[in-house]
Amino acid sequence: MSTDKHPHTVTSFGEDVLDRMVSAVEKVRERLRRSTRALEDAGIPYAVTGGNAVAAWVAKVDPGAARNTADVDLMVERAHFDAVKTAMENAGFIHRRLGGVDMFLDGPAGRPRDAVHIAFAGEKVHVDYPALAPGLSTAESHETYRLLGLEPLVTMKLTSFRDKDRTHLRDLIEVGLIGSDWLDRLPPELAQRLQHLLDTPEG
């Protein structure tokens, strides 16, 4: 005889959590589609960067290894930013600048952690980063949007090198997209960071 006094409560809670997780993932995908479609329709050059770009590259090799992310990161040219704001606001987003970062909240109730975050091509994302963000010339078509090329994406991740960046880089290493053959093509500081990740695959 089962000793669980509340089996239905446990099952219901589990299903509710799963439903919310699935819903959260789908909201990010919808936000990615809506924001990139707004820029596409306005003819504004851009590239998807960040966790969604890593997931897209990983999925090219192993779809099951792609990691979900909570926000959307886009790179644009600063010269086009007024047009970007118009296009995004027409799609229901609200521009904010918080902590030195330009972002677009998803409507009046949108949260910064769920926003579309903007980086500018050819500029430092943060003043203390050792390298500039890349240009948009390597962006390529992927599904319905433009995806930053793998090499500049890896460079961006090695430059910022936060916990989540190291996790994303290890995802790329795990599926074989980057490895020791990359070391010679990177600046010494970034090559050292990659070597550390190669030496510590489990973190």
N, C-alpha and C. Protein backbone atom coordinates (compact mmCIF):
# COMPACT_ATOMS: atom_id res chain seq x y z
N MET A 1 0.84 -1.19 0.00
CA MET A 1 0.00 0.00 0.00
C MET A 1 0.89 1.25 0.00
N SER A 2 0.53 2.26 -0.80
CA SER A 2 1.33 3.47 -0.88
C SER A 2 1.24 4.26 0.41
N THR A 3 2.36 4.82 0.82
CA THR A 3 2.39 5.68 2.01
C THR A 3 2.26 7.15 1.65
N ASP A 4 2.14 7.46 0.37
CA ASP A 4 2.00 8.85 -0.06
C ASP A 4 0.59 9.32 0.21
N LYS A 5 0.44 10.30 1.09
CA LYS A 5 -0.88 10.78 1.48
C LYS A 5 -1.47 11.75 0.46
N HIS A 6 -0.62 12.30 -0.42
CA HIS A 6 -1.11 13.30 -1.36
C HIS A 6 -0.61 13.04 -2.77
N PRO A 7 -0.93 11.86 -3.32
CA PRO A 7 -0.39 11.54 -4.65
C PRO A 7 -0.87 12.48 -5.74
N HIS A 8 -2.14 12.88 -5.65
CA HIS A 8 -2.67 13.75 -6.69
C HIS A 8 -2.05 15.15 -6.61
N THR A 9 -1.78 15.61 -5.42
CA THR A 9 -1.15 16.91 -5.26
C THR A 9 0.24 16.93 -5.88
N VAL A 10 1.02 15.88 -5.65
CA VAL A 10 2.36 15.80 -6.20
C VAL A 10 2.32 15.77 -7.72
N THR A 11 1.42 14.94 -8.28
CA THR A 11 1.30 14.84 -9.73
C THR A 11 0.88 16.16 -10.34
N SER A 12 -0.10 16.82 -9.73
CA SER A 12 -0.59 18.09 -10.25
C SER A 12 0.51 19.14 -10.24
N PHE A 13 1.27 19.20 -9.14
CA PHE A 13 2.35 20.16 -9.04
C PHE A 13 3.39 19.90 -10.12
N GLY A 14 3.74 18.65 -10.34
CA GLY A 14 4.73 18.32 -11.34
C GLY A 14 4.28 18.71 -12.73
N GLU A 15 3.04 18.44 -13.08
CA GLU A 15 2.53 18.79 -14.40
C GLU A 15 2.47 20.30 -14.57
N ASP A 16 2.11 21.02 -13.51
CA ASP A 16 2.04 22.47 -13.58
C ASP A 16 3.42 23.07 -13.84
N VAL A 17 4.43 22.57 -13.14
CA VAL A 17 5.79 23.05 -13.35
C VAL A 17 6.25 22.77 -14.78
N LEU A 18 5.97 21.58 -15.28
CA LEU A 18 6.36 21.24 -16.64
C LEU A 18 5.67 22.15 -17.66
N ASP A 19 4.37 22.39 -17.44
CA ASP A 19 3.64 23.27 -18.35
C ASP A 19 4.24 24.67 -18.37
N ARG A 20 4.62 25.17 -17.20
CA ARG A 20 5.20 26.51 -17.12
C ARG A 20 6.58 26.56 -17.79
N MET A 21 7.33 25.48 -17.65
CA MET A 21 8.64 25.43 -18.30
C MET A 21 8.49 25.45 -19.82
N VAL A 22 7.56 24.65 -20.33
CA VAL A 22 7.32 24.62 -21.77
C VAL A 22 6.84 25.97 -22.26
N SER A 23 5.95 26.60 -21.49
CA SER A 23 5.43 27.91 -21.86
C SER A 23 6.53 28.96 -21.90
N ALA A 24 7.44 28.91 -20.93
CA ALA A 24 8.53 29.88 -20.88
C ALA A 24 9.43 29.76 -22.10
N VAL A 25 9.74 28.52 -22.49
CA VAL A 25 10.58 28.29 -23.67
C VAL A 25 9.89 28.83 -24.92
N GLU A 26 8.61 28.56 -25.05
CA GLU A 26 7.88 29.00 -26.23
C GLU A 26 7.79 30.53 -26.28
N LYS A 27 7.67 31.19 -25.12
CA LYS A 27 7.62 32.65 -25.10
C LYS A 27 8.92 33.25 -25.59
N VAL A 28 10.05 32.65 -25.24
CA VAL A 28 11.34 33.13 -25.72
C VAL A 28 11.42 32.97 -27.24
N ARG A 29 11.00 31.83 -27.74
CA ARG A 29 11.04 31.59 -29.18
C ARG A 29 10.13 32.57 -29.92
N GLU A 30 8.97 32.83 -29.35
CA GLU A 30 8.04 33.78 -29.98
C GLU A 30 8.63 35.19 -29.97
N ARG A 31 9.29 35.55 -28.88
CA ARG A 31 9.93 36.87 -28.77
C ARG A 31 11.07 36.99 -29.78
N LEU A 32 11.80 35.91 -29.96
CA LEU A 32 12.88 35.90 -30.96
C LEU A 32 12.30 36.07 -32.36
N ARG A 33 11.25 35.33 -32.66
CA ARG A 33 10.63 35.43 -33.99
C ARG A 33 10.08 36.83 -34.24
N ARG A 34 9.40 37.39 -33.22
CA ARG A 34 8.74 38.69 -33.40
C ARG A 34 9.75 39.82 -33.55
N SER A 35 10.82 39.78 -32.75
CA SER A 35 11.81 40.86 -32.82
C SER A 35 12.61 40.78 -34.12
N THR A 36 13.01 39.59 -34.53
CA THR A 36 13.77 39.49 -35.77
C THR A 36 12.91 39.79 -36.99
N ARG A 37 11.64 39.40 -36.92
CA ARG A 37 10.74 39.71 -38.02
C ARG A 37 10.55 41.22 -38.16
N ALA A 38 10.50 41.93 -37.03
CA ALA A 38 10.36 43.38 -37.07
C ALA A 38 11.54 44.02 -37.79
N LEU A 39 12.75 43.54 -37.50
CA LEU A 39 13.94 44.09 -38.15
C LEU A 39 14.03 43.66 -39.61
N GLU A 40 13.66 42.41 -39.88
CA GLU A 40 13.64 41.93 -41.27
C GLU A 40 12.69 42.79 -42.11
N ASP A 41 11.49 42.99 -41.62
CA ASP A 41 10.48 43.75 -42.37
C ASP A 41 10.92 45.19 -42.61
N ALA A 42 11.71 45.74 -41.67
CA ALA A 42 12.18 47.12 -41.81
C ALA A 42 13.49 47.20 -42.60
N GLY A 43 14.05 46.06 -43.01
CA GLY A 43 15.27 46.05 -43.78
C GLY A 43 16.50 46.47 -43.00
N ILE A 44 16.51 46.19 -41.69
CA ILE A 44 17.60 46.61 -40.81
C ILE A 44 18.57 45.44 -40.61
N PRO A 45 19.86 45.61 -40.90
CA PRO A 45 20.82 44.53 -40.66
C PRO A 45 20.93 44.21 -39.16
N TYR A 46 21.06 42.94 -38.85
CA TYR A 46 21.15 42.50 -37.45
C TYR A 46 21.70 41.08 -37.44
N ALA A 47 22.00 40.60 -36.25
CA ALA A 47 22.35 39.19 -36.07
C ALA A 47 21.89 38.75 -34.69
N VAL A 48 21.41 37.54 -34.59
CA VAL A 48 21.09 36.93 -33.29
C VAL A 48 22.40 36.49 -32.66
N THR A 49 22.59 36.86 -31.40
CA THR A 49 23.79 36.48 -30.66
C THR A 49 23.36 35.77 -29.37
N GLY A 50 24.27 35.69 -28.40
CA GLY A 50 23.93 35.17 -27.08
C GLY A 50 23.52 33.71 -27.07
N GLY A 51 22.72 33.36 -26.06
CA GLY A 51 22.34 31.97 -25.84
C GLY A 51 21.55 31.37 -26.98
N ASN A 52 20.69 32.16 -27.63
CA ASN A 52 19.93 31.62 -28.76
C ASN A 52 20.84 31.29 -29.94
N ALA A 53 21.87 32.09 -30.14
CA ALA A 53 22.81 31.80 -31.22
C ALA A 53 23.60 30.53 -30.91
N VAL A 54 24.04 30.39 -29.66
CA VAL A 54 24.75 29.17 -29.27
C VAL A 54 23.85 27.96 -29.47
N ALA A 55 22.59 28.05 -29.02
CA ALA A 55 21.66 26.93 -29.17
C ALA A 55 21.46 26.57 -30.63
N ALA A 56 21.38 27.59 -31.49
CA ALA A 56 21.20 27.32 -32.92
C ALA A 56 22.39 26.59 -33.51
N TRP A 57 23.61 27.01 -33.14
CA TRP A 57 24.80 26.32 -33.64
C TRP A 57 24.90 24.90 -33.09
N VAL A 58 24.62 24.74 -31.79
CA VAL A 58 24.65 23.40 -31.19
C VAL A 58 23.64 22.49 -31.87
N ALA A 59 22.44 23.02 -32.15
CA ALA A 59 21.38 22.21 -32.75
C ALA A 59 21.73 21.75 -34.16
N LYS A 60 22.63 22.45 -34.83
CA LYS A 60 23.07 22.00 -36.15
C LYS A 60 23.78 20.65 -36.06
N VAL A 61 24.39 20.38 -34.89
CA VAL A 61 25.12 19.14 -34.68
C VAL A 61 24.29 18.13 -33.90
N ASP A 62 23.66 18.60 -32.80
CA ASP A 62 22.91 17.72 -31.92
C ASP A 62 21.74 18.49 -31.33
N PRO A 63 20.56 18.44 -31.95
CA PRO A 63 19.42 19.21 -31.46
C PRO A 63 19.09 18.95 -29.99
N GLY A 64 19.33 17.73 -29.52
CA GLY A 64 19.02 17.40 -28.14
C GLY A 64 19.94 18.07 -27.14
N ALA A 65 21.08 18.59 -27.60
CA ALA A 65 22.05 19.23 -26.70
C ALA A 65 21.83 20.74 -26.60
N ALA A 66 20.90 21.28 -27.37
CA ALA A 66 20.67 22.73 -27.35
C ALA A 66 20.06 23.15 -26.02
N ARG A 67 20.57 24.23 -25.47
CA ARG A 67 20.16 24.72 -24.15
C ARG A 67 19.19 25.88 -24.31
N ASN A 68 18.13 25.89 -23.49
CA ASN A 68 17.19 27.00 -23.52
C ASN A 68 17.76 28.22 -22.82
N THR A 69 17.28 29.40 -23.20
CA THR A 69 17.73 30.64 -22.59
C THR A 69 16.53 31.55 -22.34
N ALA A 70 16.68 32.49 -21.40
CA ALA A 70 15.52 33.29 -20.97
C ALA A 70 15.36 34.58 -21.76
N ASP A 71 16.43 35.06 -22.41
CA ASP A 71 16.34 36.34 -23.09
C ASP A 71 16.74 36.20 -24.55
N VAL A 72 16.63 37.31 -25.26
CA VAL A 72 17.00 37.36 -26.67
C VAL A 72 18.08 38.43 -26.82
N ASP A 73 19.18 38.09 -27.48
CA ASP A 73 20.27 39.03 -27.71
C ASP A 73 20.42 39.29 -29.20
N LEU A 74 20.39 40.56 -29.58
CA LEU A 74 20.54 40.95 -30.97
C LEU A 74 21.68 41.95 -31.10
N MET A 75 22.39 41.89 -32.22
CA MET A 75 23.42 42.87 -32.53
C MET A 75 22.97 43.69 -33.73
N VAL A 76 23.13 45.01 -33.62
CA VAL A 76 22.77 45.92 -34.70
C VAL A 76 23.87 46.96 -34.84
N GLU A 77 23.80 47.75 -35.90
CA GLU A 77 24.70 48.89 -36.07
C GLU A 77 24.12 50.09 -35.31
N ARG A 78 24.99 50.81 -34.60
CA ARG A 78 24.50 51.97 -33.86
C ARG A 78 23.86 53.00 -34.80
N ALA A 79 24.38 53.13 -36.01
CA ALA A 79 23.84 54.10 -36.95
C ALA A 79 22.38 53.81 -37.29
N HIS A 80 21.94 52.57 -37.08
CA HIS A 80 20.57 52.19 -37.42
C HIS A 80 19.66 52.17 -36.19
N PHE A 81 20.15 52.63 -35.03
CA PHE A 81 19.40 52.37 -33.81
C PHE A 81 18.07 53.11 -33.75
N ASP A 82 17.98 54.29 -34.32
CA ASP A 82 16.68 54.98 -34.34
C ASP A 82 15.66 54.15 -35.12
N ALA A 83 16.09 53.59 -36.24
CA ALA A 83 15.20 52.73 -37.02
C ALA A 83 14.87 51.46 -36.26
N VAL A 84 15.85 50.92 -35.52
CA VAL A 84 15.60 49.74 -34.70
C VAL A 84 14.52 50.03 -33.67
N LYS A 85 14.62 51.18 -32.98
CA LYS A 85 13.62 51.53 -31.97
C LYS A 85 12.24 51.63 -32.57
N THR A 86 12.14 52.26 -33.73
CA THR A 86 10.83 52.40 -34.38
C THR A 86 10.26 51.03 -34.74
N ALA A 87 11.08 50.17 -35.33
CA ALA A 87 10.61 48.84 -35.74
C ALA A 87 10.18 48.01 -34.53
N MET A 88 10.99 48.03 -33.48
CA MET A 88 10.68 47.24 -32.29
C MET A 88 9.44 47.76 -31.57
N GLU A 89 9.32 49.08 -31.47
CA GLU A 89 8.15 49.64 -30.81
C GLU A 89 6.87 49.35 -31.60
N ASN A 90 6.98 49.34 -32.91
CA ASN A 90 5.82 48.97 -33.73
C ASN A 90 5.42 47.52 -33.52
N ALA A 91 6.36 46.70 -33.07
CA ALA A 91 6.08 45.28 -32.80
C ALA A 91 5.66 45.04 -31.35
N GLY A 92 5.48 46.12 -30.59
CA GLY A 92 4.98 45.97 -29.22
C GLY A 92 6.03 46.01 -28.13
N PHE A 93 7.30 46.25 -28.49
CA PHE A 93 8.36 46.32 -27.49
C PHE A 93 8.55 47.75 -26.99
N ILE A 94 9.12 47.89 -25.80
CA ILE A 94 9.32 49.20 -25.17
C ILE A 94 10.80 49.37 -24.87
N HIS A 95 11.40 50.43 -25.41
CA HIS A 95 12.83 50.65 -25.22
C HIS A 95 13.14 51.14 -23.81
N ARG A 96 14.17 50.56 -23.22
CA ARG A 96 14.69 51.01 -21.94
C ARG A 96 16.22 50.90 -21.99
N ARG A 97 16.88 51.76 -21.22
CA ARG A 97 18.33 51.64 -21.05
C ARG A 97 18.59 51.45 -19.56
N LEU A 98 19.01 50.26 -19.19
CA LEU A 98 19.21 49.92 -17.79
C LEU A 98 20.62 49.37 -17.60
N GLY A 99 21.32 49.89 -16.61
CA GLY A 99 22.67 49.41 -16.34
C GLY A 99 23.61 49.56 -17.51
N GLY A 100 23.38 50.59 -18.33
CA GLY A 100 24.23 50.81 -19.48
C GLY A 100 23.92 49.94 -20.67
N VAL A 101 22.83 49.18 -20.60
CA VAL A 101 22.45 48.25 -21.68
C VAL A 101 21.14 48.70 -22.31
N ASP A 102 21.12 48.80 -23.63
CA ASP A 102 19.87 49.07 -24.34
C ASP A 102 19.10 47.77 -24.47
N MET A 103 17.82 47.83 -24.15
CA MET A 103 16.99 46.63 -24.23
C MET A 103 15.58 47.03 -24.60
N PHE A 104 14.81 46.03 -25.02
CA PHE A 104 13.41 46.23 -25.36
C PHE A 104 12.57 45.27 -24.53
N LEU A 105 11.78 45.87 -23.61
CA LEU A 105 10.89 45.06 -22.79
C LEU A 105 9.72 44.59 -23.65
N ASP A 106 9.22 43.41 -23.33
CA ASP A 106 8.12 42.84 -24.11
C ASP A 106 6.80 43.35 -23.56
N GLY A 107 6.47 44.60 -23.89
CA GLY A 107 5.24 45.21 -23.44
C GLY A 107 5.39 45.85 -22.07
N PRO A 108 4.33 46.54 -21.58
CA PRO A 108 4.39 47.26 -20.30
C PRO A 108 4.73 46.38 -19.11
N ALA A 109 4.36 45.11 -19.16
CA ALA A 109 4.63 44.20 -18.05
C ALA A 109 5.93 43.42 -18.23
N GLY A 110 6.68 43.73 -19.27
CA GLY A 110 7.90 42.99 -19.55
C GLY A 110 8.97 43.21 -18.50
N ARG A 111 9.80 42.20 -18.27
CA ARG A 111 10.87 42.27 -17.28
C ARG A 111 12.22 42.35 -17.99
N PRO A 112 13.19 43.03 -17.38
CA PRO A 112 14.52 43.12 -18.02
C PRO A 112 15.14 41.77 -18.30
N ARG A 113 14.95 40.79 -17.44
CA ARG A 113 15.57 39.48 -17.67
C ARG A 113 14.97 38.76 -18.87
N ASP A 114 13.75 39.16 -19.26
CA ASP A 114 13.08 38.55 -20.40
C ASP A 114 13.15 39.43 -21.65
N ALA A 115 13.90 40.51 -21.59
CA ALA A 115 13.88 41.50 -22.66
C ALA A 115 14.71 41.06 -23.86
N VAL A 116 14.60 41.85 -24.92
CA VAL A 116 15.50 41.73 -26.06
C VAL A 116 16.66 42.68 -25.80
N HIS A 117 17.86 42.13 -25.60
CA HIS A 117 19.03 42.94 -25.27
C HIS A 117 19.82 43.25 -26.54
N ILE A 118 20.32 44.48 -26.61
CA ILE A 118 20.98 44.96 -27.81
C ILE A 118 22.48 45.18 -27.57
N ALA A 119 23.29 44.67 -28.49
CA ALA A 119 24.72 44.99 -28.54
C ALA A 119 24.98 45.69 -29.88
N PHE A 120 26.02 46.51 -29.90
CA PHE A 120 26.32 47.27 -31.11
C PHE A 120 27.57 46.71 -31.79
N ALA A 121 27.44 46.44 -33.06
CA ALA A 121 28.54 45.87 -33.84
C ALA A 121 29.75 46.80 -33.81
N GLY A 122 30.93 46.21 -33.63
CA GLY A 122 32.15 46.98 -33.67
C GLY A 122 32.44 47.81 -32.44
N GLU A 123 31.66 47.62 -31.37
CA GLU A 123 31.87 48.36 -30.12
C GLU A 123 32.05 47.36 -28.98
N LYS A 124 32.65 47.83 -27.89
CA LYS A 124 32.75 46.99 -26.71
C LYS A 124 31.38 46.87 -26.05
N VAL A 125 30.99 45.65 -25.70
CA VAL A 125 29.73 45.45 -24.98
C VAL A 125 29.83 46.07 -23.59
N HIS A 126 30.98 45.92 -22.95
CA HIS A 126 31.29 46.59 -21.69
C HIS A 126 32.69 47.18 -21.80
N VAL A 127 32.91 48.30 -21.11
CA VAL A 127 34.16 49.04 -21.29
C VAL A 127 35.38 48.23 -20.87
N ASP A 128 35.20 47.28 -19.94
CA ASP A 128 36.35 46.52 -19.46
C ASP A 128 36.60 45.24 -20.25
N TYR A 129 35.83 44.99 -21.31
CA TYR A 129 36.06 43.80 -22.12
C TYR A 129 37.31 43.98 -22.97
N PRO A 130 38.08 42.90 -23.19
CA PRO A 130 39.34 43.02 -23.93
C PRO A 130 39.20 43.14 -25.44
N ALA A 131 38.00 42.95 -25.98
CA ALA A 131 37.85 42.98 -27.45
C ALA A 131 36.52 43.63 -27.82
N LEU A 132 36.50 44.17 -29.02
CA LEU A 132 35.27 44.76 -29.56
C LEU A 132 34.31 43.66 -30.00
N ALA A 133 33.05 43.98 -30.02
CA ALA A 133 32.08 43.08 -30.64
C ALA A 133 32.36 43.01 -32.14
N PRO A 134 32.06 41.90 -32.77
CA PRO A 134 32.34 41.77 -34.21
C PRO A 134 31.37 42.60 -35.04
N GLY A 135 31.63 42.64 -36.33
CA GLY A 135 30.69 43.24 -37.25
C GLY A 135 29.61 42.24 -37.65
N LEU A 136 28.75 42.67 -38.55
CA LEU A 136 27.62 41.83 -38.97
C LEU A 136 27.90 41.06 -40.26
N SER A 137 29.12 41.18 -40.78
CA SER A 137 29.39 40.60 -42.10
C SER A 137 29.32 39.08 -42.12
N THR A 138 29.49 38.43 -40.94
CA THR A 138 29.45 36.97 -40.92
C THR A 138 28.05 36.41 -40.68
N ALA A 139 27.07 37.29 -40.46
CA ALA A 139 25.71 36.81 -40.18
C ALA A 139 25.20 35.98 -41.35
N GLU A 140 24.52 34.90 -41.03
CA GLU A 140 23.99 34.02 -42.07
C GLU A 140 22.55 33.65 -41.77
N SER A 141 21.83 33.24 -42.79
CA SER A 141 20.44 32.87 -42.62
C SER A 141 20.33 31.57 -41.85
N HIS A 142 19.41 31.55 -40.89
CA HIS A 142 19.14 30.34 -40.12
C HIS A 142 17.65 30.34 -39.80
N GLU A 143 16.93 29.35 -40.30
CA GLU A 143 15.48 29.30 -40.15
C GLU A 143 14.89 30.61 -40.65
N THR A 144 14.29 31.42 -39.77
CA THR A 144 13.65 32.67 -40.23
C THR A 144 14.44 33.91 -39.84
N TYR A 145 15.66 33.75 -39.33
CA TYR A 145 16.40 34.92 -38.85
C TYR A 145 17.87 34.85 -39.26
N ARG A 146 18.60 35.91 -38.93
CA ARG A 146 20.02 36.03 -39.23
C ARG A 146 20.82 35.66 -37.99
N LEU A 147 21.76 34.76 -38.14
CA LEU A 147 22.53 34.20 -37.03
C LEU A 147 23.99 34.63 -37.15
N LEU A 148 24.58 35.09 -36.03
CA LEU A 148 25.98 35.47 -36.04
C LEU A 148 26.85 34.25 -36.34
N GLY A 149 27.92 34.46 -37.13
CA GLY A 149 28.82 33.37 -37.46
C GLY A 149 29.45 32.75 -36.23
N LEU A 150 29.89 31.51 -36.36
CA LEU A 150 30.39 30.77 -35.21
C LEU A 150 31.65 31.42 -34.62
N GLU A 151 32.62 31.77 -35.45
CA GLU A 151 33.87 32.30 -34.91
C GLU A 151 33.67 33.61 -34.14
N PRO A 152 32.95 34.60 -34.70
CA PRO A 152 32.71 35.81 -33.90
C PRO A 152 31.86 35.55 -32.66
N LEU A 153 30.95 34.58 -32.72
CA LEU A 153 30.16 34.24 -31.54
C LEU A 153 31.06 33.68 -30.44
N VAL A 154 31.97 32.79 -30.81
CA VAL A 154 32.90 32.23 -29.83
C VAL A 154 33.77 33.34 -29.25
N THR A 155 34.23 34.25 -30.09
CA THR A 155 35.05 35.36 -29.61
C THR A 155 34.28 36.21 -28.61
N MET A 156 33.00 36.48 -28.90
CA MET A 156 32.18 37.26 -27.96
C MET A 156 32.04 36.54 -26.63
N LYS A 157 31.81 35.24 -26.67
CA LYS A 157 31.63 34.48 -25.45
C LYS A 157 32.93 34.42 -24.64
N LEU A 158 34.05 34.27 -25.31
CA LEU A 158 35.34 34.26 -24.61
C LEU A 158 35.67 35.64 -24.05
N THR A 159 35.22 36.68 -24.72
CA THR A 159 35.48 38.04 -24.26
C THR A 159 34.71 38.35 -22.98
N SER A 160 33.43 38.01 -22.95
CA SER A 160 32.63 38.30 -21.75
C SER A 160 32.92 37.30 -20.63
N PHE A 161 32.94 36.02 -20.94
CA PHE A 161 33.44 34.96 -20.05
C PHE A 161 32.78 34.94 -18.67
N ARG A 162 31.48 35.25 -18.63
CA ARG A 162 30.72 35.08 -17.39
C ARG A 162 30.38 33.60 -17.22
N ASP A 163 29.76 33.28 -16.10
CA ASP A 163 29.41 31.88 -15.86
C ASP A 163 28.60 31.30 -17.01
N LYS A 164 27.58 32.06 -17.47
CA LYS A 164 26.73 31.52 -18.53
C LYS A 164 27.49 31.43 -19.85
N ASP A 165 28.46 32.33 -20.06
CA ASP A 165 29.27 32.25 -21.28
C ASP A 165 30.14 31.00 -21.26
N ARG A 166 30.72 30.71 -20.11
CA ARG A 166 31.54 29.49 -20.00
C ARG A 166 30.68 28.25 -20.24
N THR A 167 29.45 28.27 -19.72
CA THR A 167 28.54 27.15 -19.96
C THR A 167 28.23 27.00 -21.45
N HIS A 168 27.95 28.12 -22.11
CA HIS A 168 27.67 28.08 -23.55
C HIS A 168 28.87 27.57 -24.34
N LEU A 169 30.06 28.02 -23.96
CA LEU A 169 31.27 27.57 -24.66
C LEU A 169 31.49 26.08 -24.46
N ARG A 170 31.23 25.59 -23.26
CA ARG A 170 31.37 24.14 -23.03
C ARG A 170 30.35 23.35 -23.85
N ASP A 171 29.17 23.93 -24.07
CA ASP A 171 28.19 23.28 -24.95
C ASP A 171 28.77 23.14 -26.37
N LEU A 172 29.41 24.20 -26.85
CA LEU A 172 30.00 24.16 -28.19
C LEU A 172 31.15 23.18 -28.26
N ILE A 173 31.93 23.11 -27.18
CA ILE A 173 33.03 22.15 -27.12
C ILE A 173 32.49 20.72 -27.11
N GLU A 174 31.45 20.49 -26.34
CA GLU A 174 30.90 19.14 -26.17
C GLU A 174 30.44 18.54 -27.49
N VAL A 175 29.87 19.37 -28.37
CA VAL A 175 29.38 18.84 -29.65
C VAL A 175 30.44 18.92 -30.75
N GLY A 176 31.65 19.35 -30.38
CA GLY A 176 32.76 19.34 -31.33
C GLY A 176 32.86 20.54 -32.25
N LEU A 177 32.13 21.61 -31.96
CA LEU A 177 32.19 22.78 -32.82
C LEU A 177 33.46 23.61 -32.59
N ILE A 178 34.01 23.57 -31.39
CA ILE A 178 35.28 24.23 -31.12
C ILE A 178 36.18 23.28 -30.34
N GLY A 179 37.48 23.47 -30.50
CA GLY A 179 38.43 22.59 -29.83
C GLY A 179 39.81 23.22 -29.82
N SER A 180 40.83 22.42 -29.59
CA SER A 180 42.20 22.93 -29.46
C SER A 180 42.71 23.54 -30.77
N ASP A 181 42.12 23.16 -31.91
CA ASP A 181 42.55 23.73 -33.18
C ASP A 181 42.18 25.21 -33.30
N TRP A 182 41.35 25.71 -32.38
CA TRP A 182 40.97 27.12 -32.38
C TRP A 182 42.02 28.00 -31.68
N LEU A 183 42.89 27.43 -30.90
CA LEU A 183 43.77 28.22 -30.04
C LEU A 183 44.65 29.17 -30.82
N ASP A 184 45.19 28.73 -31.96
CA ASP A 184 46.10 29.55 -32.73
C ASP A 184 45.42 30.73 -33.42
N ARG A 185 44.11 30.66 -33.58
CA ARG A 185 43.43 31.74 -34.29
C ARG A 185 42.91 32.83 -33.34
N LEU A 186 43.10 32.66 -32.05
CA LEU A 186 42.59 33.60 -31.05
C LEU A 186 43.71 34.46 -30.47
N PRO A 187 43.38 35.69 -30.02
CA PRO A 187 44.36 36.48 -29.26
C PRO A 187 44.79 35.72 -28.02
N PRO A 188 46.00 35.96 -27.52
CA PRO A 188 46.52 35.16 -26.39
C PRO A 188 45.59 35.09 -25.18
N GLU A 189 45.00 36.21 -24.79
CA GLU A 189 44.12 36.20 -23.60
C GLU A 189 42.91 35.30 -23.81
N LEU A 190 42.32 35.36 -25.00
CA LEU A 190 41.15 34.54 -25.29
C LEU A 190 41.55 33.08 -25.47
N ALA A 191 42.71 32.84 -26.06
CA ALA A 191 43.19 31.47 -26.22
C ALA A 191 43.42 30.83 -24.85
N GLN A 192 43.92 31.60 -23.91
CA GLN A 192 44.13 31.09 -22.56
C GLN A 192 42.81 30.70 -21.91
N ARG A 193 41.78 31.51 -22.15
CA ARG A 193 40.46 31.20 -21.60
C ARG A 193 39.89 29.93 -22.22
N LEU A 194 40.05 29.79 -23.53
CA LEU A 194 39.56 28.58 -24.18
C LEU A 194 40.32 27.36 -23.67
N GLN A 195 41.64 27.48 -23.51
CA GLN A 195 42.42 26.36 -23.00
C GLN A 195 41.94 25.93 -21.62
N HIS A 196 41.59 26.91 -20.79
CA HIS A 196 41.06 26.57 -19.46
C HIS A 196 39.78 25.74 -19.58
N LEU A 197 38.91 26.11 -20.49
CA LEU A 197 37.66 25.36 -20.67
C LEU A 197 37.93 23.96 -21.22
N LEU A 198 38.87 23.86 -22.13
CA LEU A 198 39.22 22.55 -22.67
C LEU A 198 39.81 21.65 -21.59
N ASP A 199 40.53 22.26 -20.63
CA ASP A 199 41.14 21.50 -19.55
C ASP A 199 40.15 21.16 -18.44
N THR A 200 39.02 21.86 -18.39
CA THR A 200 38.03 21.65 -17.32
C THR A 200 36.64 21.44 -17.93
N PRO A 201 36.44 20.37 -18.66
CA PRO A 201 35.16 20.18 -19.36
C PRO A 201 33.96 20.06 -18.44
N GLU A 202 34.16 19.68 -17.19
CA GLU A 202 33.05 19.55 -16.24
C GLU A 202 32.83 20.81 -15.43
N GLY A 203 33.63 21.84 -15.67
CA GLY A 203 33.46 23.09 -14.94
C GLY A 203 34.24 23.16 -13.66
